[in-house]
Amino acid sequence: MPMNGFMELNQNELEIIDAGGLWGNVLIGTCTVGGGVAGFFGGGIAGAAVGTVALPIVGTVSGAAVGAWAGAGAGALAGAGTGAALATYWGI
């Protein structure tokens, strides 16, 4: 029944909207965590390689640590963006 020019939603329709929001958040969260983990390992490997060339042994460990955390941050941001884009694309 129209109210103020808008259609009212019944309980089932509201539950579908709520479920879509939940699954959208799950998708974004999963992509964020996945991106962060992948970035952590990828950044750690890249940082270790650069650190080894720059300063063997000490540079390997330091480069791996810095690269891992920088990669985790960048990967998490990229993953969150990807998850949000997928949720928007799928309409959830």
PDB file of N, CA and C in Angstrom:
ATOM      1  N   MET A   1       0.844  -1.171   0.000  1.00  0.00           N
ATOM      2  CA  MET A   1       0.000   0.000   0.000  1.00  0.00           C
ATOM      3  C   MET A   1       0.896   1.243   0.000  1.00  0.00           C
ATOM      4  N   PRO A   2       0.688   2.171  -0.952  1.00  0.00           N
ATOM      5  CA  PRO A   2       1.537   3.362  -1.026  1.00  0.00           C
ATOM      6  C   PRO A   2       1.355   4.278   0.184  1.00  0.00           C
ATOM      7  N   MET A   3       2.458   4.837   0.611  1.00  0.00           N
ATOM      8  CA  MET A   3       2.418   5.777   1.727  1.00  0.00           C
ATOM      9  C   MET A   3       3.362   6.920   1.375  1.00  0.00           C
ATOM     10  N   ASN A   4       2.845   8.111   1.278  1.00  0.00           N
ATOM     11  CA  ASN A   4       3.654   9.280   0.917  1.00  0.00           C
ATOM     12  C   ASN A   4       4.367   9.095  -0.422  1.00  0.00           C
ATOM     13  N   GLY A   5       3.730   8.433  -1.345  1.00  0.00           N
ATOM     14  CA  GLY A   5       4.320   8.241  -2.662  1.00  0.00           C
ATOM     15  C   GLY A   5       5.314   7.096  -2.750  1.00  0.00           C
ATOM     16  N   PHE A   6       5.546   6.372  -1.658  1.00  0.00           N
ATOM     17  CA  PHE A   6       6.486   5.257  -1.654  1.00  0.00           C
ATOM     18  C   PHE A   6       5.746   3.969  -1.341  1.00  0.00           C
ATOM     19  N   MET A   7       6.269   2.876  -1.847  1.00  0.00           N
ATOM     20  CA  MET A   7       5.690   1.572  -1.529  1.00  0.00           C
ATOM     21  C   MET A   7       6.249   1.107  -0.190  1.00  0.00           C
ATOM     22  N   GLU A   8       5.401   0.531   0.617  1.00  0.00           N
ATOM     23  CA  GLU A   8       5.868  -0.037   1.877  1.00  0.00           C
ATOM     24  C   GLU A   8       6.448  -1.419   1.607  1.00  0.00           C
ATOM     25  N   LEU A   9       7.474  -1.772   2.333  1.00  0.00           N
ATOM     26  CA  LEU A   9       8.070  -3.097   2.196  1.00  0.00           C
ATOM     27  C   LEU A   9       7.510  -4.007   3.275  1.00  0.00           C
ATOM     28  N   ASN A  10       7.241  -5.253   2.905  1.00  0.00           N
ATOM     29  CA  ASN A  10       6.777  -6.195   3.917  1.00  0.00           C
ATOM     30  C   ASN A  10       7.982  -6.806   4.637  1.00  0.00           C
ATOM     31  N   GLN A  11       7.718  -7.612   5.641  1.00  0.00           N
ATOM     32  CA  GLN A  11       8.788  -8.169   6.471  1.00  0.00           C
ATOM     33  C   GLN A  11       9.758  -9.027   5.651  1.00  0.00           C
ATOM     34  N   ASN A  12       9.243  -9.828   4.732  1.00  0.00           N
ATOM     35  CA  ASN A  12      10.119 -10.674   3.911  1.00  0.00           C
ATOM     36  C   ASN A  12      11.064  -9.831   3.059  1.00  0.00           C
ATOM     37  N   GLU A  13      10.562  -8.764   2.483  1.00  0.00           N
ATOM     38  CA  GLU A  13      11.407  -7.897   1.662  1.00  0.00           C
ATOM     39  C   GLU A  13      12.486  -7.217   2.505  1.00  0.00           C
ATOM     40  N   LEU A  14      12.121  -6.810   3.716  1.00  0.00           N
ATOM     41  CA  LEU A  14      13.102  -6.191   4.608  1.00  0.00           C
ATOM     42  C   LEU A  14      14.184  -7.190   5.014  1.00  0.00           C
ATOM     43  N   GLU A  15      13.788  -8.450   5.243  1.00  0.00           N
ATOM     44  CA  GLU A  15      14.765  -9.470   5.615  1.00  0.00           C
ATOM     45  C   GLU A  15      15.727  -9.754   4.466  1.00  0.00           C
ATOM     46  N   ILE A  16      15.234  -9.726   3.241  1.00  0.00           N
ATOM     47  CA  ILE A  16      16.102  -9.936   2.079  1.00  0.00           C
ATOM     48  C   ILE A  16      17.127  -8.807   1.980  1.00  0.00           C
ATOM     49  N   ILE A  17      16.690  -7.582   2.218  1.00  0.00           N
ATOM     50  CA  ILE A  17      17.607  -6.436   2.185  1.00  0.00           C
ATOM     51  C   ILE A  17      18.656  -6.572   3.287  1.00  0.00           C
ATOM     52  N   ASP A  18      18.226  -6.959   4.502  1.00  0.00           N
ATOM     53  CA  ASP A  18      19.169  -7.150   5.606  1.00  0.00           C
ATOM     54  C   ASP A  18      20.181  -8.241   5.290  1.00  0.00           C
ATOM     55  N   ALA A  19      19.715  -9.350   4.714  1.00  0.00           N
ATOM     56  CA  ALA A  19      20.620 -10.449   4.370  1.00  0.00           C
ATOM     57  C   ALA A  19      21.628 -10.004   3.319  1.00  0.00           C
ATOM     58  N   GLY A  20      21.186  -9.210   2.352  1.00  0.00           N
ATOM     59  CA  GLY A  20      22.106  -8.703   1.336  1.00  0.00           C
ATOM     60  C   GLY A  20      23.187  -7.837   1.942  1.00  0.00           C
ATOM     61  N   GLY A  21      22.811  -6.987   2.895  1.00  0.00           N
ATOM     62  CA  GLY A  21      23.801  -6.154   3.572  1.00  0.00           C
ATOM     63  C   GLY A  21      24.799  -6.988   4.350  1.00  0.00           C
ATOM     64  N   LEU A  22      24.303  -8.038   5.009  1.00  0.00           N
ATOM     65  CA  LEU A  22      25.182  -8.932   5.763  1.00  0.00           C
ATOM     66  C   LEU A  22      26.188  -9.602   4.836  1.00  0.00           C
ATOM     67  N   TRP A  23      25.700 -10.164   3.726  1.00  0.00           N
ATOM     68  CA  TRP A  23      26.604 -10.860   2.807  1.00  0.00           C
ATOM     69  C   TRP A  23      27.559  -9.887   2.127  1.00  0.00           C
ATOM     70  N   GLY A  24      27.131  -8.663   1.905  1.00  0.00           N
ATOM     71  CA  GLY A  24      28.045  -7.655   1.371  1.00  0.00           C
ATOM     72  C   GLY A  24      29.190  -7.388   2.337  1.00  0.00           C
ATOM     73  N   ASN A  25      28.863  -7.286   3.633  1.00  0.00           N
ATOM     74  CA  ASN A  25      29.897  -7.065   4.644  1.00  0.00           C
ATOM     75  C   ASN A  25      30.822  -8.268   4.773  1.00  0.00           C
ATOM     76  N   VAL A  26      30.256  -9.468   4.681  1.00  0.00           N
ATOM     77  CA  VAL A  26      31.079 -10.679   4.735  1.00  0.00           C
ATOM     78  C   VAL A  26      32.046 -10.708   3.556  1.00  0.00           C
ATOM     79  N   LEU A  27      31.549 -10.360   2.382  1.00  0.00           N
ATOM     80  CA  LEU A  27      32.398 -10.343   1.185  1.00  0.00           C
ATOM     81  C   LEU A  27      33.522  -9.326   1.327  1.00  0.00           C
ATOM     82  N   ILE A  28      33.190  -8.129   1.779  1.00  0.00           N
ATOM     83  CA  ILE A  28      34.211  -7.089   1.951  1.00  0.00           C
ATOM     84  C   ILE A  28      35.236  -7.516   3.006  1.00  0.00           C
ATOM     85  N   GLY A  29      34.753  -8.067   4.114  1.00  0.00           N
ATOM     86  CA  GLY A  29      35.663  -8.521   5.172  1.00  0.00           C
ATOM     87  C   GLY A  29      36.588  -9.630   4.710  1.00  0.00           C
ATOM     88  N   THR A  30      36.034 -10.585   3.974  1.00  0.00           N
ATOM     89  CA  THR A  30      36.841 -11.695   3.468  1.00  0.00           C
ATOM     90  C   THR A  30      37.906 -11.206   2.500  1.00  0.00           C
ATOM     91  N   CYS A  31      37.529 -10.321   1.604  1.00  0.00           N
ATOM     92  CA  CYS A  31      38.500  -9.766   0.649  1.00  0.00           C
ATOM     93  C   CYS A  31      39.565  -8.940   1.366  1.00  0.00           C
ATOM     94  N   THR A  32      39.174  -8.219   2.410  1.00  0.00           N
ATOM     95  CA  THR A  32      40.135  -7.416   3.170  1.00  0.00           C
ATOM     96  C   THR A  32      41.165  -8.305   3.854  1.00  0.00           C
ATOM     97  N   VAL A  33      40.684  -9.352   4.523  1.00  0.00           N
ATOM     98  CA  VAL A  33      41.597 -10.268   5.222  1.00  0.00           C
ATOM     99  C   VAL A  33      42.479 -11.006   4.217  1.00  0.00           C
ATOM    100  N   GLY A  34      41.863 -11.497   3.147  1.00  0.00           N
ATOM    101  CA  GLY A  34      42.638 -12.204   2.124  1.00  0.00           C
ATOM    102  C   GLY A  34      43.701 -11.319   1.503  1.00  0.00           C
ATOM    103  N   GLY A  35      43.331 -10.083   1.194  1.00  0.00           N
ATOM    104  CA  GLY A  35      44.297  -9.140   0.629  1.00  0.00           C
ATOM    105  C   GLY A  35      45.407  -8.808   1.608  1.00  0.00           C
ATOM    106  N   GLY A  36      45.042  -8.661   2.868  1.00  0.00           N
ATOM    107  CA  GLY A  36      46.048  -8.367   3.893  1.00  0.00           C
ATOM    108  C   GLY A  36      47.045  -9.498   4.073  1.00  0.00           C
ATOM    109  N   VAL A  37      46.544 -10.728   4.104  1.00  0.00           N
ATOM    110  CA  VAL A  37      47.426 -11.891   4.260  1.00  0.00           C
ATOM    111  C   VAL A  37      48.333 -12.043   3.040  1.00  0.00           C
ATOM    112  N   ALA A  38      47.747 -11.936   1.857  1.00  0.00           N
ATOM    113  CA  ALA A  38      48.554 -12.047   0.637  1.00  0.00           C
ATOM    114  C   ALA A  38      49.600 -10.934   0.567  1.00  0.00           C
ATOM    115  N   GLY A  39      49.193  -9.716   0.936  1.00  0.00           N
ATOM    116  CA  GLY A  39      50.130  -8.596   0.946  1.00  0.00           C
ATOM    117  C   GLY A  39      51.241  -8.784   1.966  1.00  0.00           C
ATOM    118  N   PHE A  40      50.903  -9.367   3.116  1.00  0.00           N
ATOM    119  CA  PHE A  40      51.891  -9.622   4.167  1.00  0.00           C
ATOM    120  C   PHE A  40      52.994 -10.539   3.641  1.00  0.00           C
ATOM    121  N   PHE A  41      52.579 -11.650   3.037  1.00  0.00           N
ATOM    122  CA  PHE A  41      53.573 -12.600   2.539  1.00  0.00           C
ATOM    123  C   PHE A  41      54.319 -12.064   1.319  1.00  0.00           C
ATOM    124  N   GLY A  42      53.580 -11.468   0.399  1.00  0.00           N
ATOM    125  CA  GLY A  42      54.223 -10.906  -0.789  1.00  0.00           C
ATOM    126  C   GLY A  42      55.182  -9.786  -0.442  1.00  0.00           C
ATOM    127  N   GLY A  43      54.746  -8.895   0.451  1.00  0.00           N
ATOM    128  CA  GLY A  43      55.610  -7.791   0.877  1.00  0.00           C
ATOM    129  C   GLY A  43      56.822  -8.283   1.646  1.00  0.00           C
ATOM    130  N   GLY A  44      56.627  -9.318   2.455  1.00  0.00           N
ATOM    131  CA  GLY A  44      57.748  -9.884   3.211  1.00  0.00           C
ATOM    132  C   GLY A  44      58.809 -10.475   2.302  1.00  0.00           C
ATOM    133  N   ILE A  45      58.356 -11.202   1.287  1.00  0.00           N
ATOM    134  CA  ILE A  45      59.305 -11.806   0.343  1.00  0.00           C
ATOM    135  C   ILE A  45      60.043 -10.719  -0.441  1.00  0.00           C
ATOM    136  N   ALA A  46      59.288  -9.738  -0.933  1.00  0.00           N
ATOM    137  CA  ALA A  46      59.916  -8.649  -1.689  1.00  0.00           C
ATOM    138  C   ALA A  46      60.868  -7.847  -0.808  1.00  0.00           C
ATOM    139  N   GLY A  47      60.446  -7.559   0.425  1.00  0.00           N
ATOM    140  CA  GLY A  47      61.298  -6.804   1.346  1.00  0.00           C
ATOM    141  C   GLY A  47      62.567  -7.556   1.698  1.00  0.00           C
ATOM    142  N   ALA A  48      62.457  -8.872   1.874  1.00  0.00           N
ATOM    143  CA  ALA A  48      63.645  -9.676   2.176  1.00  0.00           C
ATOM    144  C   ALA A  48      64.621  -9.655   1.010  1.00  0.00           C
ATOM    145  N   ALA A  49      64.090  -9.725  -0.197  1.00  0.00           N
ATOM    146  CA  ALA A  49      64.962  -9.697  -1.377  1.00  0.00           C
ATOM    147  C   ALA A  49      65.701  -8.367  -1.483  1.00  0.00           C
ATOM    148  N   VAL A  50      64.973  -7.280  -1.300  1.00  0.00           N
ATOM    149  CA  VAL A  50      65.602  -5.952  -1.376  1.00  0.00           C
ATOM    150  C   VAL A  50      66.595  -5.770  -0.234  1.00  0.00           C
ATOM    151  N   GLY A  51      66.201  -6.181   0.969  1.00  0.00           N
ATOM    152  CA  GLY A  51      67.088  -6.042   2.126  1.00  0.00           C
ATOM    153  C   GLY A  51      68.361  -6.859   1.994  1.00  0.00           C
ATOM    154  N   THR A  52      68.259  -8.039   1.396  1.00  0.00           N
ATOM    155  CA  THR A  52      69.434  -8.890   1.216  1.00  0.00           C
ATOM    156  C   THR A  52      70.440  -8.245   0.277  1.00  0.00           C
ATOM    157  N   VAL A  53      69.946  -7.650  -0.778  1.00  0.00           N
ATOM    158  CA  VAL A  53      70.839  -6.974  -1.729  1.00  0.00           C
ATOM    159  C   VAL A  53      71.479  -5.754  -1.072  1.00  0.00           C
ATOM    160  N   ALA A  54      70.680  -5.002  -0.318  1.00  0.00           N
ATOM    161  CA  ALA A  54      71.183  -3.767   0.297  1.00  0.00           C
ATOM    162  C   ALA A  54      72.150  -4.052   1.443  1.00  0.00           C
ATOM    163  N   LEU A  55      71.807  -4.988   2.308  1.00  0.00           N
ATOM    164  CA  LEU A  55      72.631  -5.264   3.487  1.00  0.00           C
ATOM    165  C   LEU A  55      72.379  -6.711   3.918  1.00  0.00           C
ATOM    166  N   PRO A  56      73.236  -7.638   3.517  1.00  0.00           N
ATOM    167  CA  PRO A  56      73.010  -9.053   3.822  1.00  0.00           C
ATOM    168  C   PRO A  56      72.793  -9.317   5.315  1.00  0.00           C
ATOM    169  N   ILE A  57      72.032 -10.308   5.624  1.00  0.00           N
ATOM    170  CA  ILE A  57      71.633 -10.827   6.936  1.00  0.00           C
ATOM    171  C   ILE A  57      70.746  -9.836   7.685  1.00  0.00           C
ATOM    172  N   VAL A  58      71.285  -8.731   8.177  1.00  0.00           N
ATOM    173  CA  VAL A  58      70.471  -7.760   8.911  1.00  0.00           C
ATOM    174  C   VAL A  58      69.417  -7.155   7.989  1.00  0.00           C
ATOM    175  N   GLY A  59      69.819  -6.830   6.775  1.00  0.00           N
ATOM    176  CA  GLY A  59      68.886  -6.252   5.808  1.00  0.00           C
ATOM    177  C   GLY A  59      67.794  -7.216   5.410  1.00  0.00           C
ATOM    178  N   THR A  60      68.118  -8.505   5.390  1.00  0.00           N
ATOM    179  CA  THR A  60      67.115  -9.511   5.030  1.00  0.00           C
ATOM    180  C   THR A  60      65.974  -9.501   6.034  1.00  0.00           C
ATOM    181  N   VAL A  61      66.317  -9.536   7.304  1.00  0.00           N
ATOM    182  CA  VAL A  61      65.307  -9.569   8.365  1.00  0.00           C
ATOM    183  C   VAL A  61      64.546  -8.249   8.428  1.00  0.00           C
ATOM    184  N   SER A  62      65.275  -7.145   8.412  1.00  0.00           N
ATOM    185  CA  SER A  62      64.623  -5.832   8.480  1.00  0.00           C
ATOM    186  C   SER A  62      63.746  -5.589   7.263  1.00  0.00           C
ATOM    187  N   GLY A  63      64.271  -5.921   6.090  1.00  0.00           N
ATOM    188  CA  GLY A  63      63.504  -5.739   4.858  1.00  0.00           C
ATOM    189  C   GLY A  63      62.254  -6.587   4.845  1.00  0.00           C
ATOM    190  N   ALA A  64      62.371  -7.818   5.342  1.00  0.00           N
ATOM    191  CA  ALA A  64      61.203  -8.701   5.391  1.00  0.00           C
ATOM    192  C   ALA A  64      60.142  -8.144   6.327  1.00  0.00           C
ATOM    193  N   ALA A  65      60.561  -7.636   7.478  1.00  0.00           N
ATOM    194  CA  ALA A  65      59.598  -7.101   8.447  1.00  0.00           C
ATOM    195  C   ALA A  65      58.887  -5.868   7.899  1.00  0.00           C
ATOM    196  N   VAL A  66      59.659  -4.942   7.379  1.00  0.00           N
ATOM    197  CA  VAL A  66      59.064  -3.716   6.835  1.00  0.00           C
ATOM    198  C   VAL A  66      58.179  -4.039   5.643  1.00  0.00           C
ATOM    199  N   GLY A  67      58.683  -4.883   4.752  1.00  0.00           N
ATOM    200  CA  GLY A  67      57.911  -5.252   3.568  1.00  0.00           C
ATOM    201  C   GLY A  67      56.627  -5.977   3.911  1.00  0.00           C
ATOM    202  N   ALA A  68      56.691  -6.850   4.916  1.00  0.00           N
ATOM    203  CA  ALA A  68      55.498  -7.611   5.301  1.00  0.00           C
ATOM    204  C   ALA A  68      54.394  -6.693   5.806  1.00  0.00           C
ATOM    205  N   TRP A  69      54.734  -5.765   6.685  1.00  0.00           N
ATOM    206  CA  TRP A  69      53.692  -4.896   7.243  1.00  0.00           C
ATOM    207  C   TRP A  69      53.196  -3.874   6.232  1.00  0.00           C
ATOM    208  N   ALA A  70      54.102  -3.379   5.408  1.00  0.00           N
ATOM    209  CA  ALA A  70      53.660  -2.463   4.348  1.00  0.00           C
ATOM    210  C   ALA A  70      52.766  -3.200   3.357  1.00  0.00           C
ATOM    211  N   GLY A  71      53.151  -4.422   3.031  1.00  0.00           N
ATOM    212  CA  GLY A  71      52.347  -5.230   2.118  1.00  0.00           C
ATOM    213  C   GLY A  71      50.998  -5.588   2.705  1.00  0.00           C
ATOM    214  N   ALA A  72      50.964  -5.855   4.009  1.00  0.00           N
ATOM    215  CA  ALA A  72      49.690  -6.183   4.659  1.00  0.00           C
ATOM    216  C   ALA A  72      48.730  -5.006   4.591  1.00  0.00           C
ATOM    217  N   GLY A  73      49.235  -3.812   4.859  1.00  0.00           N
ATOM    218  CA  GLY A  73      48.374  -2.629   4.786  1.00  0.00           C
ATOM    219  C   GLY A  73      47.867  -2.368   3.383  1.00  0.00           C
ATOM    220  N   ALA A  74      48.775  -2.430   2.424  1.00  0.00           N
ATOM    221  CA  ALA A  74      48.382  -2.190   1.034  1.00  0.00           C
ATOM    222  C   ALA A  74      47.440  -3.278   0.537  1.00  0.00           C
ATOM    223  N   GLY A  75      47.723  -4.524   0.909  1.00  0.00           N
ATOM    224  CA  GLY A  75      46.865  -5.630   0.486  1.00  0.00           C
ATOM    225  C   GLY A  75      45.480  -5.547   1.089  1.00  0.00           C
ATOM    226  N   ALA A  76      45.404  -5.144   2.356  1.00  0.00           N
ATOM    227  CA  ALA A  76      44.094  -5.004   3.003  1.00  0.00           C
ATOM    228  C   ALA A  76      43.270  -3.909   2.340  1.00  0.00           C
ATOM    229  N   LEU A  77      43.902  -2.795   2.019  1.00  0.00           N
ATOM    230  CA  LEU A  77      43.185  -1.714   1.329  1.00  0.00           C
ATOM    231  C   LEU A  77      42.716  -2.159  -0.052  1.00  0.00           C
ATOM    232  N   ALA A  78      43.593  -2.837  -0.773  1.00  0.00           N
ATOM    233  CA  ALA A  78      43.213  -3.322  -2.101  1.00  0.00           C
ATOM    234  C   ALA A  78      42.096  -4.354  -1.998  1.00  0.00           C
ATOM    235  N   GLY A  79      42.187  -5.232  -1.003  1.00  0.00           N
ATOM    236  CA  GLY A  79      41.150  -6.245  -0.810  1.00  0.00           C
ATOM    237  C   GLY A  79      39.810  -5.637  -0.443  1.00  0.00           C
ATOM    238  N   ALA A  80      39.827  -4.617   0.414  1.00  0.00           N
ATOM    239  CA  ALA A  80      38.575  -3.953   0.793  1.00  0.00           C
ATOM    240  C   ALA A  80      37.940  -3.283  -0.412  1.00  0.00           C
ATOM    241  N   GLY A  81      38.761  -2.641  -1.227  1.00  0.00           N
ATOM    242  CA  GLY A  81      38.243  -2.008  -2.445  1.00  0.00           C
ATOM    243  C   GLY A  81      37.653  -3.027  -3.401  1.00  0.00           C
ATOM    244  N   THR A  82      38.329  -4.153  -3.542  1.00  0.00           N
ATOM    245  CA  THR A  82      37.827  -5.213  -4.416  1.00  0.00           C
ATOM    246  C   THR A  82      36.520  -5.775  -3.885  1.00  0.00           C
ATOM    247  N   GLY A  83      36.460  -6.020  -2.571  1.00  0.00           N
ATOM    248  CA  GLY A  83      35.228  -6.539  -1.972  1.00  0.00           C
ATOM    249  C   GLY A  83      34.065  -5.585  -2.135  1.00  0.00           C
ATOM    250  N   ALA A  84      34.317  -4.301  -1.947  1.00  0.00           N
ATOM    251  CA  ALA A  84      33.253  -3.306  -2.114  1.00  0.00           C
ATOM    252  C   ALA A  84      32.791  -3.241  -3.564  1.00  0.00           C
ATOM    253  N   ALA A  85      33.749  -3.326  -4.489  1.00  0.00           N
ATOM    254  CA  ALA A  85      33.385  -3.302  -5.910  1.00  0.00           C
ATOM    255  C   ALA A  85      32.558  -4.525  -6.285  1.00  0.00           C
ATOM    256  N   LEU A  86      32.937  -5.693  -5.775  1.00  0.00           N
ATOM    257  CA  LEU A  86      32.171  -6.911  -6.056  1.00  0.00           C
ATOM    258  C   LEU A  86      30.777  -6.842  -5.443  1.00  0.00           C
ATOM    259  N   ALA A  87      30.692  -6.340  -4.210  1.00  0.00           N
ATOM    260  CA  ALA A  87      29.383  -6.222  -3.563  1.00  0.00           C
ATOM    261  C   ALA A  87      28.482  -5.275  -4.343  1.00  0.00           C
ATOM    262  N   THR A  88      29.040  -4.192  -4.828  1.00  0.00           N
ATOM    263  CA  THR A  88      28.264  -3.248  -5.633  1.00  0.00           C
ATOM    264  C   THR A  88      27.847  -3.882  -6.952  1.00  0.00           C
ATOM    265  N   TYR A  89      28.781  -4.569  -7.584  1.00  0.00           N
ATOM    266  CA  TYR A  89      28.498  -5.214  -8.870  1.00  0.00           C
ATOM    267  C   TYR A  89      27.389  -6.253  -8.728  1.00  0.00           C
ATOM    268  N   TRP A  90      27.462  -7.043  -7.648  1.00  0.00           N
ATOM    269  CA  TRP A  90      26.456  -8.088  -7.429  1.00  0.00           C
ATOM    270  C   TRP A  90      25.190  -7.549  -6.776  1.00  0.00           C
ATOM    271  N   GLY A  91      25.203  -6.295  -6.381  1.00  0.00           N
ATOM    272  CA  GLY A  91      24.015  -5.679  -5.794  1.00  0.00           C
ATOM    273  C   GLY A  91      23.691  -6.169  -4.402  1.00  0.00           C
ATOM    274  N   ILE A  92      24.734  -6.482  -3.612  1.00  0.00           N
ATOM    275  CA  ILE A  92      24.499  -6.925  -2.229  1.00  0.00           C
ATOM    276  C   ILE A  92      25.104  -5.947  -1.255  1.00  0.00           C
TER     277      ILE A  92
END
